[in-house]
């Protein structure tokens, strides 16, 4: 399964569209995930787990390190903060 994590932009064909951090966690725990394509700002879904950077924090805590990540955020500061977490953990950014 490919995850598209974004509150506004619809998922490209072949991706599962996830709008909240909490829902993404459930799928990561229960499905085989090929790639995470992630935004930074969760908009109206922020109350359901926080902005999407919180998913990366959770993955770090849970030692989930085998899923490639692509950041498609337009928030340049948020994107760099997410990139720091990815690089700190030695994860694959695509």
C-alpha atoms as a PDB file:
ATOM      1  CA  UNK A   1       0.000   0.000   0.000  1.00  0.00           C
ATOM      2  CA  UNK A   2       1.162   3.520  -0.809  1.00  0.00           C
ATOM      3  CA  UNK A   3       0.067   6.251   1.639  1.00  0.00           C
ATOM      4  CA  UNK A   4      -0.745   9.791   0.546  1.00  0.00           C
ATOM      5  CA  UNK A   5      -0.999  11.915   3.680  1.00  0.00           C
ATOM      6  CA  UNK A   6      -2.634  15.277   2.986  1.00  0.00           C
ATOM      7  CA  UNK A   7      -5.705  17.123   4.191  1.00  0.00           C
ATOM      8  CA  UNK A   8      -6.554  18.862   0.899  1.00  0.00           C
ATOM      9  CA  UNK A   9      -4.834  17.430  -2.165  1.00  0.00           C
ATOM     10  CA  UNK A  10      -6.378  14.182  -3.393  1.00  0.00           C
ATOM     11  CA  UNK A  11      -4.165  11.139  -3.694  1.00  0.00           C
ATOM     12  CA  UNK A  12      -2.690  10.174  -7.042  1.00  0.00           C
ATOM     13  CA  UNK A  13      -3.932   6.954  -8.556  1.00  0.00           C
ATOM     14  CA  UNK A  14      -2.614   3.933  -6.689  1.00  0.00           C
ATOM     15  CA  UNK A  15      -2.339   5.682  -3.315  1.00  0.00           C
ATOM     16  CA  UNK A  16      -4.523   5.433  -0.220  1.00  0.00           C
ATOM     17  CA  UNK A  17      -5.560   8.949   0.826  1.00  0.00           C
ATOM     18  CA  UNK A  18      -5.105   9.523   4.552  1.00  0.00           C
ATOM     19  CA  UNK A  19      -6.041  12.838   6.162  1.00  0.00           C
ATOM     20  CA  UNK A  20      -5.054  12.309   9.803  1.00  0.00           C
ATOM     21  CA  UNK A  21      -1.985  11.172  11.706  1.00  0.00           C
ATOM     22  CA  UNK A  22      -4.116   8.787  13.762  1.00  0.00           C
ATOM     23  CA  UNK A  23      -5.430   7.017  10.661  1.00  0.00           C
ATOM     24  CA  UNK A  24      -1.930   6.795   9.178  1.00  0.00           C
ATOM     25  CA  UNK A  25      -0.683   5.126  12.372  1.00  0.00           C
ATOM     26  CA  UNK A  26      -3.397   2.473  12.137  1.00  0.00           C
ATOM     27  CA  UNK A  27      -2.498   1.667   8.539  1.00  0.00           C
ATOM     28  CA  UNK A  28       1.242   1.586   9.231  1.00  0.00           C
ATOM     29  CA  UNK A  29       0.651  -0.824  12.125  1.00  0.00           C
ATOM     30  CA  UNK A  30      -1.689  -3.123  10.179  1.00  0.00           C
ATOM     31  CA  UNK A  31      -0.671  -2.981   6.499  1.00  0.00           C
ATOM     32  CA  UNK A  32       2.467  -3.385   4.455  1.00  0.00           C
ATOM     33  CA  UNK A  33       3.416   0.149   3.372  1.00  0.00           C
ATOM     34  CA  UNK A  34       5.572   0.692   0.264  1.00  0.00           C
ATOM     35  CA  UNK A  35       5.983   4.458   0.579  1.00  0.00           C
ATOM     36  CA  UNK A  36       4.694   7.414   2.551  1.00  0.00           C
ATOM     37  CA  UNK A  37       4.083  10.586   0.546  1.00  0.00           C
ATOM     38  CA  UNK A  38       3.504  13.257   3.164  1.00  0.00           C
ATOM     39  CA  UNK A  39       2.468  16.881   3.586  1.00  0.00           C
ATOM     40  CA  UNK A  40       3.334  18.913   6.703  1.00  0.00           C
ATOM     41  CA  UNK A  41       0.197  20.883   7.657  1.00  0.00           C
ATOM     42  CA  UNK A  42      -2.856  18.862   8.683  1.00  0.00           C
ATOM     43  CA  UNK A  43      -5.341  21.750   8.522  1.00  0.00           C
ATOM     44  CA  UNK A  44      -8.708  20.753   9.980  1.00  0.00           C
ATOM     45  CA  UNK A  45      -7.341  17.289  10.821  1.00  0.00           C
ATOM     46  CA  UNK A  46      -4.729  18.605  13.282  1.00  0.00           C
ATOM     47  CA  UNK A  47      -6.931  17.523  16.203  1.00  0.00           C
ATOM     48  CA  UNK A  48      -6.664  13.926  14.992  1.00  0.00           C
ATOM     49  CA  UNK A  49      -3.004  13.442  15.837  1.00  0.00           C
ATOM     50  CA  UNK A  50      -1.339  16.768  15.071  1.00  0.00           C
ATOM     51  CA  UNK A  51       0.397  18.108  12.000  1.00  0.00           C
ATOM     52  CA  UNK A  52       1.875  15.380   9.857  1.00  0.00           C
ATOM     53  CA  UNK A  53       5.387  15.829  11.257  1.00  0.00           C
ATOM     54  CA  UNK A  54       3.968  14.123  14.363  1.00  0.00           C
ATOM     55  CA  UNK A  55       3.742  10.924  12.313  1.00  0.00           C
ATOM     56  CA  UNK A  56       7.503  11.035  11.804  1.00  0.00           C
ATOM     57  CA  UNK A  57       7.992  11.619  15.546  1.00  0.00           C
ATOM     58  CA  UNK A  58       5.836   8.563  16.239  1.00  0.00           C
ATOM     59  CA  UNK A  59       7.717   6.459  13.673  1.00  0.00           C
ATOM     60  CA  UNK A  60      10.964   7.433  15.387  1.00  0.00           C
ATOM     61  CA  UNK A  61       9.590   6.400  18.804  1.00  0.00           C
ATOM     62  CA  UNK A  62       8.262   3.109  17.418  1.00  0.00           C
ATOM     63  CA  UNK A  63      11.528   2.422  15.547  1.00  0.00           C
ATOM     64  CA  UNK A  64       9.731   2.154  12.206  1.00  0.00           C
ATOM     65  CA  UNK A  65      12.541   2.771   9.767  1.00  0.00           C
ATOM     66  CA  UNK A  66      11.926   0.676   6.679  1.00  0.00           C
ATOM     67  CA  UNK A  67       9.412   2.819   4.768  1.00  0.00           C
ATOM     68  CA  UNK A  68      10.688   5.285   2.145  1.00  0.00           C
ATOM     69  CA  UNK A  69       9.301   8.813   2.594  1.00  0.00           C
ATOM     70  CA  UNK A  70       8.569  11.557   0.093  1.00  0.00           C
ATOM     71  CA  UNK A  71       7.694  15.046   1.353  1.00  0.00           C
ATOM     72  CA  UNK A  72       5.327  16.985  -0.912  1.00  0.00           C
ATOM     73  CA  UNK A  73       4.691  19.888   1.469  1.00  0.00           C
ATOM     74  CA  UNK A  74       4.694  23.485   0.239  1.00  0.00           C
ATOM     75  CA  UNK A  75       5.662  24.624   3.773  1.00  0.00           C
ATOM     76  CA  UNK A  76       9.415  25.126   3.372  1.00  0.00           C
ATOM     77  CA  UNK A  77      10.154  25.367   7.116  1.00  0.00           C
ATOM     78  CA  UNK A  78       8.000  22.329   7.874  1.00  0.00           C
ATOM     79  CA  UNK A  79       9.621  20.420   5.026  1.00  0.00           C
ATOM     80  CA  UNK A  80      13.104  21.089   6.393  1.00  0.00           C
ATOM     81  CA  UNK A  81      12.033  20.057   9.900  1.00  0.00           C
ATOM     82  CA  UNK A  82      10.680  16.801   8.509  1.00  0.00           C
ATOM     83  CA  UNK A  83      13.822  16.275   6.447  1.00  0.00           C
ATOM     84  CA  UNK A  84      15.950  16.647   9.613  1.00  0.00           C
ATOM     85  CA  UNK A  85      14.020  13.820  11.295  1.00  0.00           C
ATOM     86  CA  UNK A  86      14.428  11.625   8.209  1.00  0.00           C
ATOM     87  CA  UNK A  87      18.156  12.295   7.963  1.00  0.00           C
ATOM     88  CA  UNK A  88      18.735  11.935  11.722  1.00  0.00           C
ATOM     89  CA  UNK A  89      17.261   8.433  11.578  1.00  0.00           C
ATOM     90  CA  UNK A  90      18.976   7.403   8.336  1.00  0.00           C
ATOM     91  CA  UNK A  91      15.650   6.826   6.647  1.00  0.00           C
ATOM     92  CA  UNK A  92      15.263   6.831   2.879  1.00  0.00           C
ATOM     93  CA  UNK A  93      13.873  10.036   1.382  1.00  0.00           C
ATOM     94  CA  UNK A  94      12.695   9.744  -2.192  1.00  0.00           C
END
